[in-house]
């Protein structure tokens, strides 16, 4: 049981680090853009007087360098804009189970009554519904489009980390979204730390 708790702690730590990195991405990109702008200004200012003395070939090279700098600046600005748009899109997602049921009823139904539950099991609590929603990758939730999320879930099972036959619960902390074939192949075995890591990072 200690091994499983350690695995959960490791997975939670990785999730927290990933969220922290995503939060800091936009700030880091903005700093890169500012650095590129400042560098371009310094190069232009310090070199402008010397350009007239350069041979034609060197002037062409300098012009090419300036063009590369402008292209890099444009790319960095584009990346910053994309990061901000992604962050805003994820912020507009439902924050409660009630909002989820209103905006994405089919997703809400699956999280509450299915995803690893069997006939006769009690439905999941609002807290567990939202925890399972959070486990869906952000890239599949962009734009808050229920159809896109359903496409992600179409081949996924709510896989138990610790199987029910070994005392595992139906709570969200014991469920990961896994490709159904992999879940069926594992059967009643406990999900290894490696399998959990692969699912959290690559799926």
C-alpha atoms as a PDB file:
ATOM      1  CA  UNK A   1       0.000   0.000   0.000  1.00  0.00           C
ATOM      2  CA  UNK A   2       2.977   2.320   0.695  1.00  0.00           C
ATOM      3  CA  UNK A   3       4.171   1.695  -2.844  1.00  0.00           C
ATOM      4  CA  UNK A   4       0.779   2.710  -4.249  1.00  0.00           C
ATOM      5  CA  UNK A   5       0.668   5.843  -2.090  1.00  0.00           C
ATOM      6  CA  UNK A   6       4.164   6.762  -3.244  1.00  0.00           C
ATOM      7  CA  UNK A   7       3.070   6.254  -6.829  1.00  0.00           C
ATOM      8  CA  UNK A   8       0.048   8.486  -6.312  1.00  0.00           C
ATOM      9  CA  UNK A   9       2.213  11.150  -4.672  1.00  0.00           C
ATOM     10  CA  UNK A  10       4.658  10.990  -7.593  1.00  0.00           C
ATOM     11  CA  UNK A  11       1.839  11.301 -10.113  1.00  0.00           C
ATOM     12  CA  UNK A  12       0.299  14.238  -8.219  1.00  0.00           C
ATOM     13  CA  UNK A  13       3.692  15.960  -8.026  1.00  0.00           C
ATOM     14  CA  UNK A  14       4.189  15.522 -11.772  1.00  0.00           C
ATOM     15  CA  UNK A  15       0.720  16.923 -12.428  1.00  0.00           C
ATOM     16  CA  UNK A  16       1.406  19.949 -10.192  1.00  0.00           C
ATOM     17  CA  UNK A  17       4.743  20.615 -11.907  1.00  0.00           C
ATOM     18  CA  UNK A  18       3.127  20.394 -15.341  1.00  0.00           C
ATOM     19  CA  UNK A  19       0.396  22.852 -14.337  1.00  0.00           C
ATOM     20  CA  UNK A  20       3.001  25.206 -12.847  1.00  0.00           C
ATOM     21  CA  UNK A  21       5.058  25.025 -16.034  1.00  0.00           C
ATOM     22  CA  UNK A  22       1.977  25.749 -18.164  1.00  0.00           C
ATOM     23  CA  UNK A  23       1.130  28.760 -15.992  1.00  0.00           C
ATOM     24  CA  UNK A  24       4.634  30.155 -16.351  1.00  0.00           C
ATOM     25  CA  UNK A  25       4.878  29.484 -20.097  1.00  0.00           C
ATOM     26  CA  UNK A  26       3.159  32.694 -21.190  1.00  0.00           C
ATOM     27  CA  UNK A  27       5.330  34.772 -18.840  1.00  0.00           C
ATOM     28  CA  UNK A  28       8.492  33.104 -20.098  1.00  0.00           C
ATOM     29  CA  UNK A  29       7.531  33.647 -23.731  1.00  0.00           C
ATOM     30  CA  UNK A  30       6.801  37.314 -23.090  1.00  0.00           C
ATOM     31  CA  UNK A  31      10.284  37.675 -21.577  1.00  0.00           C
ATOM     32  CA  UNK A  32      11.773  36.027 -24.669  1.00  0.00           C
ATOM     33  CA  UNK A  33       9.878  38.443 -26.920  1.00  0.00           C
ATOM     34  CA  UNK A  34      11.128  41.422 -24.890  1.00  0.00           C
ATOM     35  CA  UNK A  35      14.679  40.067 -25.062  1.00  0.00           C
ATOM     36  CA  UNK A  36      14.462  39.662 -28.834  1.00  0.00           C
ATOM     37  CA  UNK A  37      13.097  43.196 -29.238  1.00  0.00           C
ATOM     38  CA  UNK A  38      15.816  44.682 -27.017  1.00  0.00           C
ATOM     39  CA  UNK A  39      18.549  42.742 -28.804  1.00  0.00           C
ATOM     40  CA  UNK A  40      17.269  43.849 -32.219  1.00  0.00           C
ATOM     41  CA  UNK A  41      17.224  47.492 -31.081  1.00  0.00           C
ATOM     42  CA  UNK A  42      20.768  47.241 -29.683  1.00  0.00           C
ATOM     43  CA  UNK A  43      22.078  45.626 -32.879  1.00  0.00           C
ATOM     44  CA  UNK A  44      20.387  48.231 -35.056  1.00  0.00           C
ATOM     45  CA  UNK A  45      21.531  51.199 -32.945  1.00  0.00           C
ATOM     46  CA  UNK A  46      25.153  50.130 -32.581  1.00  0.00           C
ATOM     47  CA  UNK A  47      25.529  49.045 -36.197  1.00  0.00           C
ATOM     48  CA  UNK A  48      23.725  51.750 -38.148  1.00  0.00           C
ATOM     49  CA  UNK A  49      26.774  54.041 -38.479  1.00  0.00           C
ATOM     50  CA  UNK A  50      29.035  51.247 -39.639  1.00  0.00           C
ATOM     51  CA  UNK A  51      26.715  49.963 -42.369  1.00  0.00           C
ATOM     52  CA  UNK A  52      27.700  52.684 -44.863  1.00  0.00           C
ATOM     53  CA  UNK A  53      31.346  51.597 -44.646  1.00  0.00           C
ATOM     54  CA  UNK A  54      30.612  47.923 -45.333  1.00  0.00           C
ATOM     55  CA  UNK A  55      30.987  46.308 -48.738  1.00  0.00           C
ATOM     56  CA  UNK A  56      27.750  45.407 -50.561  1.00  0.00           C
ATOM     57  CA  UNK A  57      27.996  41.693 -49.632  1.00  0.00           C
ATOM     58  CA  UNK A  58      28.367  42.482 -45.938  1.00  0.00           C
ATOM     59  CA  UNK A  59      25.430  44.872 -46.113  1.00  0.00           C
ATOM     60  CA  UNK A  60      23.314  42.101 -47.628  1.00  0.00           C
ATOM     61  CA  UNK A  61      24.360  39.769 -44.814  1.00  0.00           C
ATOM     62  CA  UNK A  62      23.456  42.387 -42.244  1.00  0.00           C
ATOM     63  CA  UNK A  63      20.056  42.853 -43.893  1.00  0.00           C
ATOM     64  CA  UNK A  64      19.492  39.092 -43.804  1.00  0.00           C
ATOM     65  CA  UNK A  65      20.365  39.087 -40.090  1.00  0.00           C
ATOM     66  CA  UNK A  66      17.836  41.850 -39.445  1.00  0.00           C
ATOM     67  CA  UNK A  67      15.187  39.883 -41.359  1.00  0.00           C
ATOM     68  CA  UNK A  68      15.882  36.792 -39.244  1.00  0.00           C
ATOM     69  CA  UNK A  69      15.543  38.901 -36.096  1.00  0.00           C
ATOM     70  CA  UNK A  70      12.178  40.229 -37.268  1.00  0.00           C
ATOM     71  CA  UNK A  71      11.010  36.727 -38.146  1.00  0.00           C
ATOM     72  CA  UNK A  72      12.016  35.440 -34.692  1.00  0.00           C
ATOM     73  CA  UNK A  73      10.207  38.331 -33.047  1.00  0.00           C
ATOM     74  CA  UNK A  74       7.066  37.604 -35.072  1.00  0.00           C
ATOM     75  CA  UNK A  75       7.229  33.912 -34.161  1.00  0.00           C
ATOM     76  CA  UNK A  76       7.690  34.680 -30.468  1.00  0.00           C
ATOM     77  CA  UNK A  77       4.731  37.079 -30.522  1.00  0.00           C
ATOM     78  CA  UNK A  78       2.638  34.427 -32.281  1.00  0.00           C
ATOM     79  CA  UNK A  79       3.554  31.819 -29.659  1.00  0.00           C
ATOM     80  CA  UNK A  80       2.712  34.258 -26.860  1.00  0.00           C
ATOM     81  CA  UNK A  81      -0.658  35.002 -28.449  1.00  0.00           C
ATOM     82  CA  UNK A  82      -1.386  31.277 -28.799  1.00  0.00           C
ATOM     83  CA  UNK A  83      -0.446  30.607 -25.169  1.00  0.00           C
ATOM     84  CA  UNK A  84      -2.713  33.384 -23.948  1.00  0.00           C
ATOM     85  CA  UNK A  85      -5.567  32.103 -26.135  1.00  0.00           C
ATOM     86  CA  UNK A  86      -5.092  28.555 -24.780  1.00  0.00           C
ATOM     87  CA  UNK A  87      -5.064  29.780 -21.180  1.00  0.00           C
ATOM     88  CA  UNK A  88      -8.237  31.823 -21.759  1.00  0.00           C
ATOM     89  CA  UNK A  89      -9.978  28.890 -23.467  1.00  0.00           C
ATOM     90  CA  UNK A  90      -9.235  26.604 -20.516  1.00  0.00           C
ATOM     91  CA  UNK A  91     -10.427  29.230 -18.020  1.00  0.00           C
ATOM     92  CA  UNK A  92     -13.837  29.340 -19.694  1.00  0.00           C
ATOM     93  CA  UNK A  93     -14.523  25.648 -19.047  1.00  0.00           C
ATOM     94  CA  UNK A  94     -17.216  24.600 -16.544  1.00  0.00           C
ATOM     95  CA  UNK A  95     -16.026  24.973 -12.939  1.00  0.00           C
ATOM     96  CA  UNK A  96     -18.740  22.946 -11.208  1.00  0.00           C
ATOM     97  CA  UNK A  97     -20.607  19.719 -11.878  1.00  0.00           C
ATOM     98  CA  UNK A  98     -23.821  21.734 -12.322  1.00  0.00           C
ATOM     99  CA  UNK A  99     -22.198  23.913 -14.998  1.00  0.00           C
ATOM    100  CA  UNK A 100     -20.777  20.813 -16.684  1.00  0.00           C
ATOM    101  CA  UNK A 101     -24.214  19.151 -16.737  1.00  0.00           C
ATOM    102  CA  UNK A 102     -25.706  22.292 -18.281  1.00  0.00           C
ATOM    103  CA  UNK A 103     -22.985  22.954 -20.883  1.00  0.00           C
ATOM    104  CA  UNK A 104     -21.871  19.385 -21.679  1.00  0.00           C
ATOM    105  CA  UNK A 105     -24.648  17.017 -20.588  1.00  0.00           C
ATOM    106  CA  UNK A 106     -23.304  13.890 -22.305  1.00  0.00           C
ATOM    107  CA  UNK A 107     -19.857  14.318 -20.770  1.00  0.00           C
ATOM    108  CA  UNK A 108     -21.386  14.987 -17.337  1.00  0.00           C
ATOM    109  CA  UNK A 109     -23.550  11.854 -17.631  1.00  0.00           C
ATOM    110  CA  UNK A 110     -20.587   9.667 -18.545  1.00  0.00           C
ATOM    111  CA  UNK A 111     -18.458  10.962 -15.672  1.00  0.00           C
ATOM    112  CA  UNK A 112     -21.224  10.543 -13.104  1.00  0.00           C
ATOM    113  CA  UNK A 113     -22.734   7.202 -14.144  1.00  0.00           C
ATOM    114  CA  UNK A 114     -20.101   5.396 -16.211  1.00  0.00           C
ATOM    115  CA  UNK A 115     -16.285   5.535 -16.584  1.00  0.00           C
ATOM    116  CA  UNK A 116     -15.567   2.387 -14.592  1.00  0.00           C
ATOM    117  CA  UNK A 117     -18.906   2.106 -12.789  1.00  0.00           C
ATOM    118  CA  UNK A 118     -21.021  -1.019 -13.046  1.00  0.00           C
ATOM    119  CA  UNK A 119     -24.771  -1.445 -13.018  1.00  0.00           C
ATOM    120  CA  UNK A 120     -25.989  -0.967  -9.473  1.00  0.00           C
ATOM    121  CA  UNK A 121     -23.053   1.231  -8.383  1.00  0.00           C
ATOM    122  CA  UNK A 122     -23.870   4.568  -6.794  1.00  0.00           C
ATOM    123  CA  UNK A 123     -23.341   7.609  -9.030  1.00  0.00           C
ATOM    124  CA  UNK A 124     -20.215   9.698  -8.447  1.00  0.00           C
ATOM    125  CA  UNK A 125     -20.227  12.818  -6.319  1.00  0.00           C
ATOM    126  CA  UNK A 126     -19.892  16.287  -7.840  1.00  0.00           C
ATOM    127  CA  UNK A 127     -16.295  16.424  -6.593  1.00  0.00           C
ATOM    128  CA  UNK A 128     -15.372  13.157  -8.320  1.00  0.00           C
ATOM    129  CA  UNK A 129     -17.143  14.243 -11.514  1.00  0.00           C
ATOM    130  CA  UNK A 130     -14.998  17.386 -11.688  1.00  0.00           C
ATOM    131  CA  UNK A 131     -11.800  15.492 -10.799  1.00  0.00           C
ATOM    132  CA  UNK A 132     -12.432  13.140 -13.722  1.00  0.00           C
ATOM    133  CA  UNK A 133     -13.136  16.136 -15.962  1.00  0.00           C
ATOM    134  CA  UNK A 134      -9.800  17.669 -14.926  1.00  0.00           C
ATOM    135  CA  UNK A 135      -8.032  14.431 -15.915  1.00  0.00           C
ATOM    136  CA  UNK A 136      -9.085  14.951 -19.544  1.00  0.00           C
ATOM    137  CA  UNK A 137      -6.097  16.600 -21.294  1.00  0.00           C
ATOM    138  CA  UNK A 138      -6.357  20.358 -21.812  1.00  0.00           C
ATOM    139  CA  UNK A 139      -5.671  19.978 -25.535  1.00  0.00           C
ATOM    140  CA  UNK A 140      -8.925  18.020 -25.832  1.00  0.00           C
ATOM    141  CA  UNK A 141     -10.862  20.692 -23.934  1.00  0.00           C
ATOM    142  CA  UNK A 142      -9.794  23.747 -25.935  1.00  0.00           C
ATOM    143  CA  UNK A 143     -12.741  25.867 -26.951  1.00  0.00           C
ATOM    144  CA  UNK A 144     -15.026  24.035 -24.533  1.00  0.00           C
ATOM    145  CA  UNK A 145     -16.303  21.858 -27.372  1.00  0.00           C
ATOM    146  CA  UNK A 146     -18.192  18.803 -26.075  1.00  0.00           C
ATOM    147  CA  UNK A 147     -17.732  17.001 -29.386  1.00  0.00           C
ATOM    148  CA  UNK A 148     -13.912  17.287 -29.175  1.00  0.00           C
ATOM    149  CA  UNK A 149     -13.926  15.920 -25.630  1.00  0.00           C
ATOM    150  CA  UNK A 150     -16.186  13.042 -26.669  1.00  0.00           C
ATOM    151  CA  UNK A 151     -13.748  12.218 -29.482  1.00  0.00           C
ATOM    152  CA  UNK A 152     -10.941  11.951 -26.919  1.00  0.00           C
ATOM    153  CA  UNK A 153     -13.077   9.719 -24.692  1.00  0.00           C
ATOM    154  CA  UNK A 154     -14.389   7.572 -27.560  1.00  0.00           C
ATOM    155  CA  UNK A 155     -11.721   4.864 -27.179  1.00  0.00           C
ATOM    156  CA  UNK A 156     -11.037   5.408 -23.459  1.00  0.00           C
ATOM    157  CA  UNK A 157     -12.069   3.470 -20.385  1.00  0.00           C
ATOM    158  CA  UNK A 158     -12.213   4.780 -16.863  1.00  0.00           C
ATOM    159  CA  UNK A 159      -9.474   2.385 -15.727  1.00  0.00           C
ATOM    160  CA  UNK A 160      -9.047   1.523 -12.068  1.00  0.00           C
ATOM    161  CA  UNK A 161      -5.498   1.947 -10.730  1.00  0.00           C
ATOM    162  CA  UNK A 162      -6.296  -0.645  -8.065  1.00  0.00           C
ATOM    163  CA  UNK A 163      -8.881  -3.074  -9.488  1.00  0.00           C
ATOM    164  CA  UNK A 164     -12.215  -3.382  -7.745  1.00  0.00           C
ATOM    165  CA  UNK A 165     -11.482  -7.077  -7.201  1.00  0.00           C
ATOM    166  CA  UNK A 166      -8.551  -5.991  -5.016  1.00  0.00           C
ATOM    167  CA  UNK A 167     -10.469  -3.394  -3.050  1.00  0.00           C
ATOM    168  CA  UNK A 168     -10.086  -0.415  -5.391  1.00  0.00           C
ATOM    169  CA  UNK A 169     -12.744   2.278  -5.225  1.00  0.00           C
ATOM    170  CA  UNK A 170     -14.710   3.969  -7.985  1.00  0.00           C
ATOM    171  CA  UNK A 171     -13.496   7.370  -6.760  1.00  0.00           C
ATOM    172  CA  UNK A 172     -11.780   9.687  -9.232  1.00  0.00           C
ATOM    173  CA  UNK A 173      -8.452   9.288  -7.428  1.00  0.00           C
ATOM    174  CA  UNK A 174      -8.455   5.611  -8.442  1.00  0.00           C
ATOM    175  CA  UNK A 175      -9.479   6.234 -12.085  1.00  0.00           C
ATOM    176  CA  UNK A 176      -7.396   7.206 -15.130  1.00  0.00           C
ATOM    177  CA  UNK A 177      -8.512   7.676 -18.739  1.00  0.00           C
ATOM    178  CA  UNK A 178      -6.847   4.809 -20.592  1.00  0.00           C
ATOM    179  CA  UNK A 179      -7.197   3.278 -24.042  1.00  0.00           C
ATOM    180  CA  UNK A 180      -9.778   0.519 -23.593  1.00  0.00           C
ATOM    181  CA  UNK A 181      -7.635  -2.208 -25.194  1.00  0.00           C
ATOM    182  CA  UNK A 182      -4.847  -1.576 -22.664  1.00  0.00           C
ATOM    183  CA  UNK A 183      -7.293  -1.663 -19.777  1.00  0.00           C
ATOM    184  CA  UNK A 184      -8.777  -4.984 -20.920  1.00  0.00           C
ATOM    185  CA  UNK A 185      -5.313  -6.457 -21.495  1.00  0.00           C
ATOM    186  CA  UNK A 186      -4.272  -5.683 -17.881  1.00  0.00           C
ATOM    187  CA  UNK A 187      -7.319  -7.426 -16.488  1.00  0.00           C
ATOM    188  CA  UNK A 188      -7.453  -7.538 -12.693  1.00  0.00           C
ATOM    189  CA  UNK A 189      -3.816  -6.527 -12.141  1.00  0.00           C
ATOM    190  CA  UNK A 190      -2.832  -3.362 -10.276  1.00  0.00           C
ATOM    191  CA  UNK A 191      -1.702  -0.600 -12.637  1.00  0.00           C
ATOM    192  CA  UNK A 192       2.067  -0.148 -12.359  1.00  0.00           C
ATOM    193  CA  UNK A 193       3.714   3.211 -11.688  1.00  0.00           C
ATOM    194  CA  UNK A 194       5.140   3.098 -15.212  1.00  0.00           C
ATOM    195  CA  UNK A 195       1.690   2.561 -16.711  1.00  0.00           C
ATOM    196  CA  UNK A 196       0.267   5.429 -14.666  1.00  0.00           C
ATOM    197  CA  UNK A 197       3.078   7.728 -15.746  1.00  0.00           C
ATOM    198  CA  UNK A 198       2.600   6.817 -19.403  1.00  0.00           C
ATOM    199  CA  UNK A 199      -1.149   7.434 -19.227  1.00  0.00           C
ATOM    200  CA  UNK A 200      -0.790  10.792 -17.427  1.00  0.00           C
ATOM    201  CA  UNK A 201       1.976  12.139 -19.655  1.00  0.00           C
ATOM    202  CA  UNK A 202       1.396  10.644 -23.110  1.00  0.00           C
ATOM    203  CA  UNK A 203      -2.376  10.124 -23.291  1.00  0.00           C
END
